[in-house]
Protein backbone atom coordinates (compact mmCIF):
# COMPACT_ATOMS: atom_id res chain seq x y z
CA MET A 1 -64.05 -12.55 -179.20
CA ASP A 2 -66.97 -12.75 -177.22
CA PRO A 3 -67.73 -13.31 -173.64
CA TYR A 4 -67.73 -17.28 -174.03
CA GLY A 5 -64.01 -17.18 -174.89
CA ASN A 6 -64.36 -17.99 -178.97
CA LYS A 7 -64.78 -16.23 -182.15
CA GLY A 8 -67.70 -16.65 -183.29
CA THR A 9 -67.06 -19.39 -185.83
CA PRO A 10 -69.11 -22.53 -186.03
CA PRO A 11 -68.24 -26.20 -184.67
CA ARG A 12 -66.03 -27.77 -187.29
CA GLY A 13 -67.59 -30.69 -189.19
CA ALA A 14 -70.59 -31.57 -191.47
CA SER A 15 -72.62 -29.92 -189.73
CA SER A 16 -69.99 -26.75 -190.03
CA MET A 17 -70.53 -27.15 -193.66
CA GLN A 18 -73.90 -27.08 -193.56
CA GLU A 19 -74.45 -24.09 -191.58
CA GLY A 20 -71.84 -22.09 -193.86
CA PHE A 21 -73.64 -23.19 -196.72
CA GLU A 22 -77.09 -21.97 -195.47
CA PRO A 23 -76.31 -18.17 -194.80
CA LEU A 24 -75.68 -18.03 -198.32
CA LEU A 25 -78.69 -19.89 -200.03
CA LEU A 26 -80.90 -17.04 -197.88
CA ALA A 27 -79.00 -14.23 -199.14
CA GLY A 28 -79.21 -15.80 -202.51
CA ILE A 29 -83.00 -16.12 -201.77
CA THR A 30 -83.41 -12.59 -200.59
CA LEU A 31 -81.42 -10.94 -203.15
CA ALA A 32 -83.62 -12.77 -206.10
CA ALA A 33 -86.61 -11.30 -204.09
CA LEU A 34 -84.72 -7.96 -204.11
CA VAL A 35 -84.64 -8.48 -208.19
CA VAL A 36 -88.21 -9.34 -208.63
CA SER A 37 -89.54 -6.80 -206.31
CA GLY A 38 -87.87 -3.51 -207.69
CA MET A 39 -89.14 -4.83 -211.28
CA ASP A 40 -92.13 -2.37 -211.83
CA PRO A 41 -92.98 -1.32 -208.44
CA TYR A 42 -96.12 0.47 -207.47
CA ASP A 43 -93.88 3.56 -206.59
CA ARG A 44 -90.08 3.77 -207.30
CA ALA A 45 -89.53 5.99 -204.63
CA THR A 46 -91.52 4.05 -201.95
CA TRP A 47 -89.54 0.81 -203.38
CA VAL A 48 -86.36 2.49 -202.27
CA LEU A 49 -87.17 3.59 -198.80
CA GLU A 50 -88.85 0.95 -197.76
CA VAL A 51 -85.91 -1.73 -198.78
CA LEU A 52 -83.06 0.54 -197.72
CA PRO A 53 -83.53 -1.61 -194.24
CA VAL A 54 -82.87 -4.68 -196.26
CA PHE A 55 -80.04 -3.19 -198.08
CA LEU A 56 -78.31 -1.96 -195.17
CA GLY A 57 -79.09 -4.61 -192.64
CA GLY A 58 -77.58 -7.00 -195.20
CA ALA A 59 -74.49 -5.37 -195.48
CA ILE A 60 -73.87 -5.37 -191.76
CA LEU A 61 -74.32 -8.83 -192.08
CA ILE A 62 -71.83 -9.55 -194.67
CA ALA A 63 -69.30 -7.32 -193.09
CA THR A 64 -69.71 -8.97 -189.88
CA TYR A 65 -70.11 -12.63 -191.39
CA ARG A 66 -66.59 -14.17 -190.65
CA SER A 67 -65.86 -12.27 -187.19
CA PHE A 68 -69.44 -12.63 -185.48
CA ARG A 69 -71.75 -15.33 -187.32
CA LEU A 70 -75.25 -15.50 -186.17
CA SER A 71 -77.19 -18.51 -185.57
CA SER A 72 -78.47 -20.17 -188.32
CA PHE A 73 -81.86 -19.93 -186.37
CA LEU A 74 -81.77 -16.30 -186.50
CA TYR A 75 -80.46 -15.85 -189.82
CA ARG A 76 -83.72 -17.40 -190.99
CA LEU A 77 -85.64 -14.95 -188.98
CA LEU A 78 -83.94 -12.19 -190.66
CA THR A 79 -84.25 -13.72 -194.04
CA LEU A 80 -88.36 -13.86 -193.49
CA HIS A 81 -88.16 -10.17 -192.52
CA ALA A 82 -86.54 -8.95 -195.47
CA LEU A 83 -89.30 -10.53 -197.51
CA ILE A 84 -92.01 -8.98 -195.24
CA LEU A 85 -90.36 -5.71 -195.92
CA ILE A 86 -89.54 -6.82 -199.89
CA LEU A 87 -93.00 -7.52 -200.75
CA GLY A 88 -94.51 -4.40 -199.60
CA ALA A 89 -92.04 -2.76 -201.03
CA HIS A 90 -93.36 -3.84 -204.11
CA TYR A 91 -96.58 -3.02 -203.82
CA THR A 92 -96.91 0.03 -201.20
CA TYR A 93 -98.14 -1.82 -197.60
CA ALA A 94 -101.65 -0.35 -198.09
CA ARG A 95 -102.08 -2.22 -201.64
CA VAL A 96 -100.33 -5.66 -200.76
CA PRO A 97 -102.68 -8.43 -202.34
CA LEU A 98 -102.57 -10.95 -199.02
CA GLY A 99 -103.51 -7.87 -197.25
CA PHE A 100 -106.44 -7.38 -199.77
CA TRP A 101 -107.72 -10.91 -199.32
CA VAL A 102 -107.49 -10.98 -195.41
CA GLN A 103 -109.74 -7.90 -195.33
CA ASP A 104 -112.24 -9.44 -197.85
CA LEU A 105 -111.90 -12.42 -195.19
CA PHE A 106 -112.50 -10.57 -192.30
CA ASP A 107 -114.60 -7.71 -193.39
CA MET A 108 -111.67 -5.48 -192.41
CA SER A 109 -112.14 -1.46 -192.92
CA ARG A 110 -108.67 -1.27 -194.62
CA ASN A 111 -105.00 -3.46 -195.56
CA HIS A 112 -103.59 -4.68 -192.29
CA TYR A 113 -100.29 -5.90 -194.11
CA ASP A 114 -98.66 -2.49 -192.30
CA ARG A 115 -99.79 -4.21 -189.23
CA LEU A 116 -97.78 -7.76 -190.15
CA GLY A 117 -94.60 -5.59 -190.72
CA HIS A 118 -94.76 -3.91 -187.78
CA LEU A 119 -95.39 -7.03 -185.70
CA ALA A 120 -92.45 -9.00 -187.56
CA GLN A 121 -90.41 -5.16 -186.58
CA GLY A 122 -90.31 -6.33 -182.89
CA PHE A 123 -90.67 -9.97 -183.41
CA ILE A 124 -87.27 -10.57 -185.42
CA PRO A 125 -84.88 -7.64 -183.86
CA ALA A 126 -86.17 -9.74 -180.31
CA ILE A 127 -84.11 -12.38 -180.98
CA LEU A 128 -81.61 -10.19 -182.60
CA ALA A 129 -81.16 -8.21 -179.72
CA ARG A 130 -81.24 -11.01 -177.44
CA GLU A 131 -78.55 -13.09 -179.49
CA VAL A 132 -76.16 -9.99 -179.12
CA LEU A 133 -76.93 -9.42 -175.51
CA LEU A 134 -76.20 -12.76 -174.64
CA ARG A 135 -73.23 -13.20 -176.58
CA LEU A 136 -71.70 -9.92 -175.95
CA SER A 137 -72.39 -8.95 -172.43
CA PRO A 138 -72.85 -10.12 -168.66
CA LEU A 139 -76.62 -10.96 -169.20
CA LYS A 140 -78.12 -14.45 -169.09
CA PRO A 141 -81.10 -15.85 -170.06
CA GLY A 142 -83.74 -14.28 -167.16
CA LYS A 143 -85.95 -11.41 -166.32
CA TRP A 144 -83.54 -8.55 -167.22
CA LEU A 145 -82.58 -10.05 -170.41
CA PHE A 146 -86.46 -10.19 -171.13
CA PHE A 147 -86.95 -6.37 -170.20
CA LEU A 148 -83.81 -4.93 -172.27
CA VAL A 149 -84.62 -6.66 -175.14
CA THR A 150 -87.95 -5.63 -174.83
CA CYS A 151 -87.03 -2.11 -174.21
CA VAL A 152 -84.43 -2.15 -177.53
CA CYS A 153 -87.30 -3.50 -179.42
CA LEU A 154 -89.82 -0.84 -178.34
CA ALA A 155 -86.91 2.04 -178.63
CA PHE A 156 -86.11 1.19 -182.48
CA SER A 157 -89.98 0.96 -183.16
CA ALA A 158 -89.94 4.53 -181.67
CA PHE A 159 -86.78 5.76 -183.63
CA TYR A 160 -88.33 4.04 -187.02
CA GLU A 161 -91.96 6.12 -186.64
CA LEU A 162 -89.11 9.31 -185.92
CA LEU A 163 -87.42 8.41 -189.29
CA GLU A 164 -90.97 7.83 -191.26
CA TRP A 165 -91.85 11.67 -189.99
CA TRP A 166 -88.32 13.31 -190.77
CA THR A 167 -89.42 11.76 -194.42
CA ALA A 168 -92.61 12.67 -194.53
CA ALA A 169 -91.26 16.26 -193.34
CA ALA A 170 -88.42 16.33 -196.08
CA ILE A 171 -90.22 14.86 -199.40
CA GLY A 172 -94.22 15.66 -198.34
CA GLN A 173 -97.00 14.39 -200.49
CA ALA A 174 -94.43 12.11 -202.20
CA ALA A 175 -93.74 10.08 -198.33
CA ASP A 176 -97.82 9.56 -198.15
CA ALA A 177 -96.97 5.78 -199.55
CA PHE A 178 -94.19 4.67 -197.22
CA LEU A 179 -96.22 6.30 -194.10
CA GLY A 180 -99.24 4.13 -194.98
CA THR A 181 -101.26 5.34 -192.43
CA GLN A 182 -104.56 4.77 -194.46
CA GLY A 183 -106.26 7.45 -192.48
CA ASP A 184 -105.68 5.70 -188.97
CA VAL A 185 -104.76 8.72 -187.22
CA TRP A 186 -103.74 6.19 -184.22
CA ASP A 187 -101.22 4.51 -186.99
CA THR A 188 -98.02 5.35 -185.18
CA GLN A 189 -99.16 3.99 -181.76
CA TRP A 190 -100.90 0.74 -183.56
CA ASP A 191 -97.27 0.52 -185.16
CA MET A 192 -95.41 0.69 -181.51
CA PHE A 193 -97.75 -1.05 -179.50
CA LEU A 194 -97.68 -4.41 -182.85
CA ALA A 195 -93.74 -4.28 -182.35
CA LEU A 196 -94.13 -4.58 -178.28
CA LEU A 197 -96.41 -7.65 -178.91
CA GLY A 198 -94.12 -8.82 -181.39
CA ALA A 199 -91.12 -8.56 -179.01
CA LEU A 200 -93.06 -10.15 -176.08
CA ALA A 201 -94.20 -13.23 -178.66
CA ALA A 202 -90.67 -13.79 -179.72
CA LEU A 203 -89.43 -13.95 -176.36
CA ALA A 204 -92.02 -15.96 -174.85
CA GLY A 205 -92.57 -18.38 -177.80
CA LEU A 206 -88.58 -18.82 -179.22
CA SER A 207 -86.17 -18.02 -176.03
CA ARG A 208 -85.45 -21.81 -175.72
CA SER A 209 -85.21 -22.71 -179.20
CA HIS A 210 -82.73 -19.32 -179.78
CA ASP A 211 -81.24 -21.27 -176.95
CA ARG A 212 -80.67 -24.05 -178.50
CA ALA A 213 -79.08 -22.61 -181.73
CA LEU A 214 -76.73 -20.57 -179.95
CA ARG A 215 -75.43 -23.75 -178.55
CA LYS A 216 -75.12 -25.22 -181.75
CA THR A 217 -73.01 -22.51 -183.15
CA THR A 218 -70.89 -20.91 -180.72
CA GLY A 219 -70.50 -24.67 -178.87
CA VAL A 220 -71.69 -22.95 -175.03
CA LEU A 221 -74.62 -22.59 -173.20
CA PRO A 222 -75.94 -18.85 -173.24
CA GLY A 223 -75.28 -16.56 -170.25
CA VAL A 224 -72.20 -18.22 -169.22
CA VAL A 225 -69.30 -15.83 -168.86
CA GLY A 226 -65.34 -16.82 -169.05
CA ALA A 227 -66.61 -20.29 -169.77
CA PRO A 228 -62.98 -21.99 -170.36
CA GLY A 229 -62.11 -23.00 -173.99
CA GLY A 230 -65.60 -21.98 -174.98
CA SER A 231 -67.06 -25.79 -174.75
CA VAL A 232 -70.35 -26.92 -173.52
CA GLY A 233 -68.76 -29.09 -170.86
CA ALA A 234 -66.30 -26.57 -169.92
CA ALA A 235 -68.87 -23.97 -169.22
CA ARG A 236 -71.26 -26.95 -167.34
CA ARG A 237 -67.66 -27.48 -165.01
CA SER A 238 -67.47 -24.03 -164.64
CA GLY A 239 -71.10 -23.32 -163.37
CA ARG A 240 -70.34 -26.30 -161.21
CA ARG A 241 -67.63 -25.04 -159.09
CA SER A 242 -69.50 -21.69 -158.49
CA LEU A 243 -72.39 -23.40 -156.66
CA LYS A 244 -69.59 -25.39 -154.48
């Protein structure tokens, strides 16, 4: 049960049936992409390392689906993130054709698909962190939520860079494709900076859409703690009483 007094399940009715079907559809798309990506990847070891977050994240989402169902808005973003990772895993990030196309179009010195991956590493986890904090903590939309979500995304990005370092130290030159630095001595700093930009962009551009998705999923206004009965009307009445 979250701070709103509900169990995280969407409202009943036709809309709830649609919301119940959509996660299954998104999971099917992700699974199909994994199967295709796993067919003759450029480097099998790199593929395993790159898609491991998809497997781990997918397992967590499945295990918590009934007890803590996320908003459809967030499930769509997580699917997009998974597809970005899966595509990079098949080719390795330095060899993704889309990155080569952009490189030729703008006469760049390297394949920048990995930059897209790290931008997404801040952009999409920002909405995930925002939803979890709004539903499981006393935080409400505002400056503190913005600041703490940004901190979570930066911490996650830094921890991922540590994981890359530990992997390279453990398996040596075989981790070159996984690291994907392409000779850039500032690659680690760029990765964290882009994750920061992604988090800021998501919070600035998607917060209102995310609030609407949370209202639809939980039936309450985000950030209203202890709303009686877990309904939007009750939450509003509680807010009015607090102002008297």
